[in-house]
Amino acid sequence: MLPLELELPTRRATIRLARVLAPHLGPGDLLALSGELGSGKTFFVRALCRALGLPARTRVTSPSFALINEYQARIPIVHADLYRMGSADEARHLGLREMRSYALLVVEWAAPYVAALGGGALHLELCVDDRGRRARLDSSLPPDDLRLGHIARDIGLRLGP
């Protein structure tokens, strides 16, 4: 399956994307986020947490300085930022791979460390440029994991062309 390319012209479109992805994610999954500063990563994670049942009264913030934020929604969610990691060993020492056994990992700047985090991920890149806001969703999941196809179907049904 080819990567999915989506236009996200409004914050509402980003929220809808999070709502489409949420039912396809659970404990043991890794959602690897990428995108430049200001591309909407924390906004997307907040929308995903809400879609997974995190109450609105719970603040969802960037883990840039704390490195890891944990949330308890319908499932445990671990939101991490690996931007300042210098090596896979540093990333391993955070214990994220172990947390993956009971939580959904949503990790910013995860691409270089996917193997250290247990391998197999959905990759979501958020982009803002002169053409507007966009998302690119891809997968390094095993070939028998059909979620990207199911997500593509749901995006077509819920977000439209």
Protein backbone atom coordinates (compact mmCIF):
# COMPACT_ATOMS: atom_id res chain seq x y z
CA MET A 1 0.00 0.00 0.00
CA LEU A 2 1.31 3.42 -0.96
CA PRO A 3 1.58 6.18 1.62
CA LEU A 4 -1.60 8.18 2.14
CA GLU A 5 -1.34 11.89 1.36
CA LEU A 6 -3.97 14.11 2.96
CA GLU A 7 -4.77 17.80 2.91
CA LEU A 8 -5.42 19.25 6.37
CA PRO A 9 -6.74 22.73 5.53
CA THR A 10 -8.23 23.32 8.99
CA ARG A 11 -7.70 22.30 12.60
CA ARG A 12 -11.02 20.50 12.28
CA ALA A 13 -9.54 18.31 9.50
CA THR A 14 -6.66 17.38 11.82
CA ILE A 15 -9.15 16.45 14.54
CA ARG A 16 -11.07 14.29 12.05
CA LEU A 17 -7.84 12.53 11.06
CA ALA A 18 -7.13 11.76 14.74
CA ARG A 19 -10.67 10.40 15.12
CA VAL A 20 -10.21 8.15 12.09
CA LEU A 21 -6.88 6.81 13.34
CA ALA A 22 -7.92 6.26 16.98
CA PRO A 23 -9.94 3.03 16.48
CA HIS A 24 -6.98 1.48 14.64
CA LEU A 25 -4.52 2.05 17.49
CA GLY A 26 -4.02 0.25 20.77
CA PRO A 27 -1.52 -0.92 23.36
CA GLY A 28 1.60 -2.26 21.68
CA ASP A 29 1.36 0.13 18.73
CA LEU A 30 3.87 2.78 17.76
CA LEU A 31 2.76 5.94 15.98
CA ALA A 32 5.94 7.70 14.81
CA LEU A 33 5.32 11.43 14.31
CA SER A 34 7.47 13.80 12.35
CA GLY A 35 7.15 17.39 11.24
CA GLU A 36 8.88 20.68 11.74
CA LEU A 37 8.24 22.99 14.68
CA GLY A 38 4.73 24.41 14.34
CA SER A 39 3.46 21.67 12.02
CA GLY A 40 0.80 20.59 14.50
CA LYS A 41 2.27 17.52 16.18
CA THR A 42 1.11 18.40 19.70
CA PHE A 43 -2.27 19.55 18.39
CA PHE A 44 -2.67 16.20 16.61
CA VAL A 45 -1.66 14.24 19.74
CA ARG A 46 -4.16 16.24 21.81
CA ALA A 47 -6.89 15.40 19.27
CA LEU A 48 -5.85 11.72 19.27
CA CYS A 49 -5.92 11.59 23.09
CA ARG A 50 -9.41 13.12 23.08
CA ALA A 51 -10.53 10.62 20.43
CA LEU A 52 -9.24 7.85 22.70
CA GLY A 53 -11.33 9.17 25.61
CA LEU A 54 -8.93 11.42 27.51
CA PRO A 55 -11.07 14.00 29.35
CA ALA A 56 -10.87 17.60 28.15
CA ARG A 57 -9.83 18.70 31.65
CA THR A 58 -6.52 16.79 31.24
CA ARG A 59 -3.85 18.97 29.64
CA VAL A 60 -1.95 17.44 26.73
CA THR A 61 1.37 19.20 26.31
CA SER A 62 4.52 18.78 24.27
CA PRO A 63 7.04 16.40 25.85
CA SER A 64 9.98 18.36 24.40
CA PHE A 65 11.50 19.02 27.82
CA ALA A 66 9.97 16.25 29.95
CA LEU A 67 10.72 13.71 27.14
CA ILE A 68 7.73 11.54 28.15
CA ASN A 69 4.13 12.37 29.05
CA GLU A 70 1.73 9.60 30.06
CA TYR A 71 -2.06 9.75 29.80
CA GLN A 72 -4.77 7.36 30.88
CA ALA A 73 -7.67 7.29 28.41
CA ARG A 74 -9.56 4.16 27.32
CA ILE A 75 -6.04 2.85 26.83
CA PRO A 76 -2.75 4.10 28.28
CA ILE A 77 -1.00 6.56 25.98
CA VAL A 78 2.69 7.44 26.16
CA HIS A 79 3.68 10.61 24.25
CA ALA A 80 7.43 11.03 23.86
CA ASP A 81 9.81 13.34 22.04
CA LEU A 82 13.15 11.93 20.89
CA TYR A 83 14.43 15.07 19.17
CA ARG A 84 17.31 15.46 21.65
CA MET A 85 18.35 11.80 21.59
CA GLY A 86 21.84 11.21 20.27
CA SER A 87 21.66 7.45 19.80
CA ALA A 88 19.44 4.39 19.89
CA ASP A 89 21.02 3.53 23.25
CA GLU A 90 19.79 6.82 24.71
CA ALA A 91 16.32 6.12 23.35
CA ARG A 92 16.42 2.58 24.81
CA HIS A 93 17.27 3.92 28.26
CA LEU A 94 13.97 5.82 28.39
CA GLY A 95 12.14 2.48 28.69
CA LEU A 96 9.71 3.20 25.84
CA ARG A 97 10.03 -0.29 24.40
CA GLU A 98 8.87 -1.69 27.73
CA MET A 99 6.04 0.86 27.95
CA ARG A 100 4.89 -0.33 24.54
CA SER A 101 3.85 -3.62 26.15
CA TYR A 102 0.92 -1.89 27.88
CA ALA A 103 0.47 1.45 26.09
CA LEU A 104 0.10 3.12 22.73
CA LEU A 105 3.38 4.93 21.99
CA VAL A 106 3.07 8.22 20.13
CA VAL A 107 6.64 9.33 19.56
CA GLU A 108 7.86 12.51 17.92
CA TRP A 109 11.12 12.20 15.97
CA ALA A 110 10.93 8.39 16.25
CA ALA A 111 12.09 7.46 12.73
CA PRO A 112 15.77 6.80 13.57
CA TYR A 113 14.76 4.78 16.63
CA VAL A 114 11.88 2.59 15.43
CA ALA A 115 13.97 -0.58 15.74
CA ALA A 116 15.05 0.38 19.29
CA LEU A 117 11.36 0.94 20.12
CA GLY A 118 10.43 -2.57 19.02
CA GLY A 119 10.02 -2.06 15.25
CA GLY A 120 6.91 -1.80 13.14
CA ALA A 121 5.17 1.57 13.20
CA LEU A 122 2.61 3.75 11.56
CA HIS A 123 4.43 6.90 10.43
CA LEU A 124 2.61 10.23 10.36
CA GLU A 125 4.41 13.24 8.91
CA LEU A 126 2.80 16.65 9.31
CA CYS A 127 3.86 19.39 6.94
CA VAL A 128 3.13 23.10 6.56
CA ASP A 129 4.36 24.97 3.52
CA ASP A 130 3.12 27.39 0.85
CA ARG A 131 0.57 24.76 -0.27
CA GLY A 132 -0.95 24.56 3.24
CA ARG A 133 -1.11 21.83 5.87
CA ARG A 134 -0.75 18.22 4.85
CA ALA A 135 -0.25 14.80 6.37
CA ARG A 136 1.50 11.75 4.99
CA LEU A 137 0.69 8.41 6.57
CA ASP A 138 2.88 5.39 5.90
CA SER A 139 3.68 2.10 7.57
CA SER A 140 6.63 -0.06 8.50
CA LEU A 141 4.28 -2.65 9.98
CA PRO A 142 4.63 -6.31 9.01
CA PRO A 143 3.12 -7.15 5.60
CA ASP A 144 0.26 -9.11 7.19
CA ASP A 145 -0.85 -6.03 9.17
CA LEU A 146 -3.58 -4.56 6.99
CA ARG A 147 -4.29 -1.46 9.06
CA LEU A 148 -3.02 1.08 6.55
CA GLY A 149 -5.55 -0.25 4.05
CA HIS A 150 -8.33 -0.12 6.64
CA ILE A 151 -7.30 3.41 7.60
CA ALA A 152 -7.31 4.44 3.92
CA ARG A 153 -10.84 3.04 3.59
CA ASP A 154 -11.99 4.88 6.72
CA ILE A 155 -10.37 8.12 5.58
CA GLY A 156 -12.25 7.85 2.30
CA LEU A 157 -15.51 7.23 4.14
CA ARG A 158 -15.08 9.83 6.88
CA LEU A 159 -12.95 12.58 5.37
CA GLY A 160 -14.07 12.40 1.77
CA PRO A 161 -12.00 13.10 -1.33
